[in-house]
Amino acid sequence: MSVEPRNDRSPTVAGGPRIAPHRRARLIIVLLFAVVLPGGAAVLRWAPPTESVLYPRCVFKVMTGFNCPGCGATRCLHSLVIGDIAQAFAYNPLLLLGLPFLSFAAILESYAAWTGQRLVNRRLPSSAILAIFWLLLAFGIARNIDIYPFTLLGPRALVLE
């Protein structure tokens, strides 16, 4: 009687039984959508970034005094959680406009991880990645120009009269 060595390289959970890779991906997806996203939304809802010290400051802004392309993103998400779309746009218009695309990409990746099948068998072309890079760079520069139309791109609180 010969004993074959196990070739299963799936990790164990705290010394327990091994978890298959597809089940691990499903567990991560469930935790993400059932715990992390609602928990993050709750924190954003009840601890506004403008009033709480819970959130870190932008390192780029602290070091240079300029707004990076992501400045205002946390305040933008807070405004979205409370339903103030106009204020969300004022904090970070690029994030607000890019959020549907980021959400769609996250859903596609979650589906692929859950089922093992990709809905779209194409990767983003390198030209699209370069276009996104240049868009982020141009947005980061434009939102720091202190001339009227460009000042609207910087994170700001809307003044309601």
Protein backbone atom coordinates (compact mmCIF):
# COMPACT_ATOMS: atom_id res chain seq x y z
CA MET A 1 0.00 0.00 0.00
CA SER A 2 1.51 3.28 -1.10
CA VAL A 3 0.67 6.64 0.33
CA GLU A 4 0.73 9.52 -2.11
CA PRO A 5 1.77 12.90 -0.74
CA ARG A 6 -0.90 15.59 -0.78
CA ASN A 7 -0.33 18.15 -3.48
CA ASP A 8 -3.06 20.46 -2.23
CA ARG A 9 -1.41 23.82 -1.62
CA SER A 10 -4.49 25.64 -0.42
CA PRO A 11 -3.87 27.48 2.83
CA THR A 12 -5.44 26.39 6.06
CA VAL A 13 -7.46 28.63 8.33
CA ALA A 14 -5.99 28.63 11.85
CA GLY A 15 -4.82 25.04 11.55
CA GLY A 16 -8.25 23.87 10.36
CA PRO A 17 -9.24 22.26 7.09
CA ARG A 18 -7.88 23.59 3.84
CA ILE A 19 -10.05 26.00 1.87
CA ALA A 20 -10.20 25.69 -1.89
CA PRO A 21 -9.09 28.85 -3.78
CA HIS A 22 -12.53 29.47 -5.34
CA ARG A 23 -14.21 29.20 -1.94
CA ARG A 24 -11.67 31.61 -0.50
CA ALA A 25 -12.49 34.13 -3.25
CA ARG A 26 -16.19 33.72 -2.51
CA LEU A 27 -15.59 34.29 1.19
CA ILE A 28 -13.64 37.47 0.46
CA ILE A 29 -16.38 38.75 -1.85
CA VAL A 30 -19.11 38.06 0.71
CA LEU A 31 -17.09 39.77 3.45
CA LEU A 32 -16.42 42.74 1.20
CA PHE A 33 -20.03 43.30 0.15
CA ALA A 34 -21.66 42.28 3.45
CA VAL A 35 -19.27 43.80 6.00
CA VAL A 36 -16.62 46.14 4.61
CA LEU A 37 -18.71 48.29 2.26
CA PRO A 38 -21.67 48.79 4.64
CA GLY A 39 -19.26 49.32 7.55
CA GLY A 40 -17.29 51.90 5.60
CA ALA A 41 -20.50 53.66 4.57
CA ALA A 42 -21.64 53.73 8.21
CA VAL A 43 -18.35 55.23 9.35
CA LEU A 44 -18.57 57.85 6.60
CA ARG A 45 -22.18 58.59 7.54
CA TRP A 46 -21.67 59.07 11.27
CA ALA A 47 -18.12 60.44 11.33
CA PRO A 48 -17.96 63.18 8.67
CA PRO A 49 -14.43 63.74 7.33
CA THR A 50 -14.75 67.50 7.85
CA GLU A 51 -15.38 67.06 11.60
CA SER A 52 -13.55 63.86 12.57
CA VAL A 53 -9.86 63.21 13.21
CA LEU A 54 -10.43 59.57 12.26
CA TYR A 55 -9.29 60.11 8.66
CA PRO A 56 -5.66 60.70 7.65
CA ARG A 57 -4.65 63.91 5.92
CA CYS A 58 -3.40 63.82 2.33
CA VAL A 59 0.38 63.41 2.50
CA PHE A 60 0.86 65.13 -0.87
CA LYS A 61 -1.19 68.16 0.27
CA VAL A 62 0.63 68.36 3.62
CA MET A 63 4.06 68.20 1.97
CA THR A 64 3.45 70.42 -1.07
CA GLY A 65 0.34 72.49 -0.35
CA PHE A 66 -1.16 71.35 -3.66
CA ASN A 67 -4.25 69.20 -4.23
CA CYS A 68 -3.60 65.74 -5.61
CA PRO A 69 -6.16 64.10 -7.94
CA GLY A 70 -7.56 62.22 -4.92
CA CYS A 71 -7.93 65.20 -2.59
CA GLY A 72 -11.51 65.50 -1.47
CA ALA A 73 -12.29 61.84 -2.25
CA THR A 74 -13.29 60.93 1.32
CA ARG A 75 -15.45 64.04 1.63
CA CYS A 76 -16.94 63.21 -1.80
CA LEU A 77 -17.87 59.69 -0.64
CA HIS A 78 -19.33 61.10 2.59
CA SER A 79 -21.49 63.49 0.56
CA LEU A 80 -22.64 60.59 -1.62
CA VAL A 81 -23.54 58.50 1.44
CA ILE A 82 -25.72 61.30 2.82
CA GLY A 83 -27.22 61.95 -0.64
CA ASP A 84 -25.70 65.36 -1.44
CA ILE A 85 -24.57 64.80 -5.04
CA ALA A 86 -23.85 68.48 -5.76
CA GLN A 87 -21.48 68.69 -2.79
CA ALA A 88 -19.88 65.37 -3.79
CA PHE A 89 -19.18 66.84 -7.23
CA ALA A 90 -17.69 69.97 -5.65
CA TYR A 91 -15.29 67.90 -3.53
CA ASN A 92 -13.95 65.63 -6.31
CA PRO A 93 -15.65 65.72 -9.72
CA LEU A 94 -13.33 63.13 -11.28
CA LEU A 95 -14.09 60.55 -8.59
CA LEU A 96 -17.81 61.14 -8.91
CA LEU A 97 -17.67 60.72 -12.69
CA GLY A 98 -15.36 57.70 -12.47
CA LEU A 99 -17.27 55.88 -9.72
CA PRO A 100 -19.71 54.11 -12.09
CA PHE A 101 -16.77 52.74 -14.11
CA LEU A 102 -14.90 51.66 -10.97
CA SER A 103 -18.05 49.98 -9.64
CA PHE A 104 -18.62 48.16 -12.94
CA ALA A 105 -15.01 46.92 -12.94
CA ALA A 106 -15.38 45.74 -9.32
CA ILE A 107 -18.57 43.86 -10.20
CA LEU A 108 -16.90 42.19 -13.20
CA GLU A 109 -13.92 41.12 -11.08
CA SER A 110 -16.22 39.86 -8.31
CA TYR A 111 -18.22 37.82 -10.82
CA ALA A 112 -15.02 36.34 -12.25
CA ALA A 113 -13.75 35.44 -8.78
CA TRP A 114 -17.12 33.96 -7.78
CA THR A 115 -17.74 31.83 -10.87
CA GLY A 116 -14.26 31.36 -12.27
CA GLN A 117 -15.47 32.75 -15.61
CA ARG A 118 -14.87 36.19 -17.04
CA LEU A 119 -17.73 38.03 -18.68
CA VAL A 120 -15.26 40.04 -20.72
CA ASN A 121 -12.16 38.18 -21.87
CA ARG A 122 -10.24 41.32 -22.73
CA ARG A 123 -7.90 43.36 -20.64
CA LEU A 124 -7.71 47.11 -20.69
CA PRO A 125 -5.46 48.11 -23.60
CA SER A 126 -2.24 49.91 -22.75
CA SER A 127 -3.50 52.98 -24.62
CA ALA A 128 -6.48 53.18 -22.23
CA ILE A 129 -4.20 52.86 -19.21
CA LEU A 130 -2.02 55.67 -20.58
CA ALA A 131 -5.12 57.80 -21.22
CA ILE A 132 -6.23 57.28 -17.60
CA PHE A 133 -2.74 58.23 -16.39
CA TRP A 134 -2.71 61.43 -18.46
CA LEU A 135 -6.26 62.27 -17.37
CA LEU A 136 -5.27 61.95 -13.70
CA LEU A 137 -2.13 64.00 -14.26
CA ALA A 138 -4.03 66.74 -16.15
CA PHE A 139 -6.76 66.79 -13.49
CA GLY A 140 -4.15 67.04 -10.73
CA ILE A 141 -2.49 70.00 -12.44
CA ALA A 142 -5.69 71.76 -13.51
CA ARG A 143 -7.27 71.68 -10.05
CA ASN A 144 -4.29 73.63 -8.70
CA ILE A 145 -4.48 76.48 -11.23
CA ASP A 146 -5.77 79.56 -9.45
CA ILE A 147 -7.83 80.93 -12.36
CA TYR A 148 -11.64 80.91 -12.35
CA PRO A 149 -12.81 77.86 -14.29
CA PHE A 150 -10.03 75.70 -12.86
CA THR A 151 -10.75 76.71 -9.25
CA LEU A 152 -14.01 74.78 -9.59
CA LEU A 153 -12.01 71.54 -9.84
CA GLY A 154 -10.42 71.90 -6.39
CA PRO A 155 -12.19 70.47 -3.34
CA ARG A 156 -14.47 73.10 -1.87
CA ALA A 157 -17.56 73.33 0.27
CA LEU A 158 -20.59 74.70 -1.51
CA VAL A 159 -22.02 77.88 -0.07
CA LEU A 160 -25.81 77.80 -0.01
CA GLU A 161 -27.56 81.14 0.16
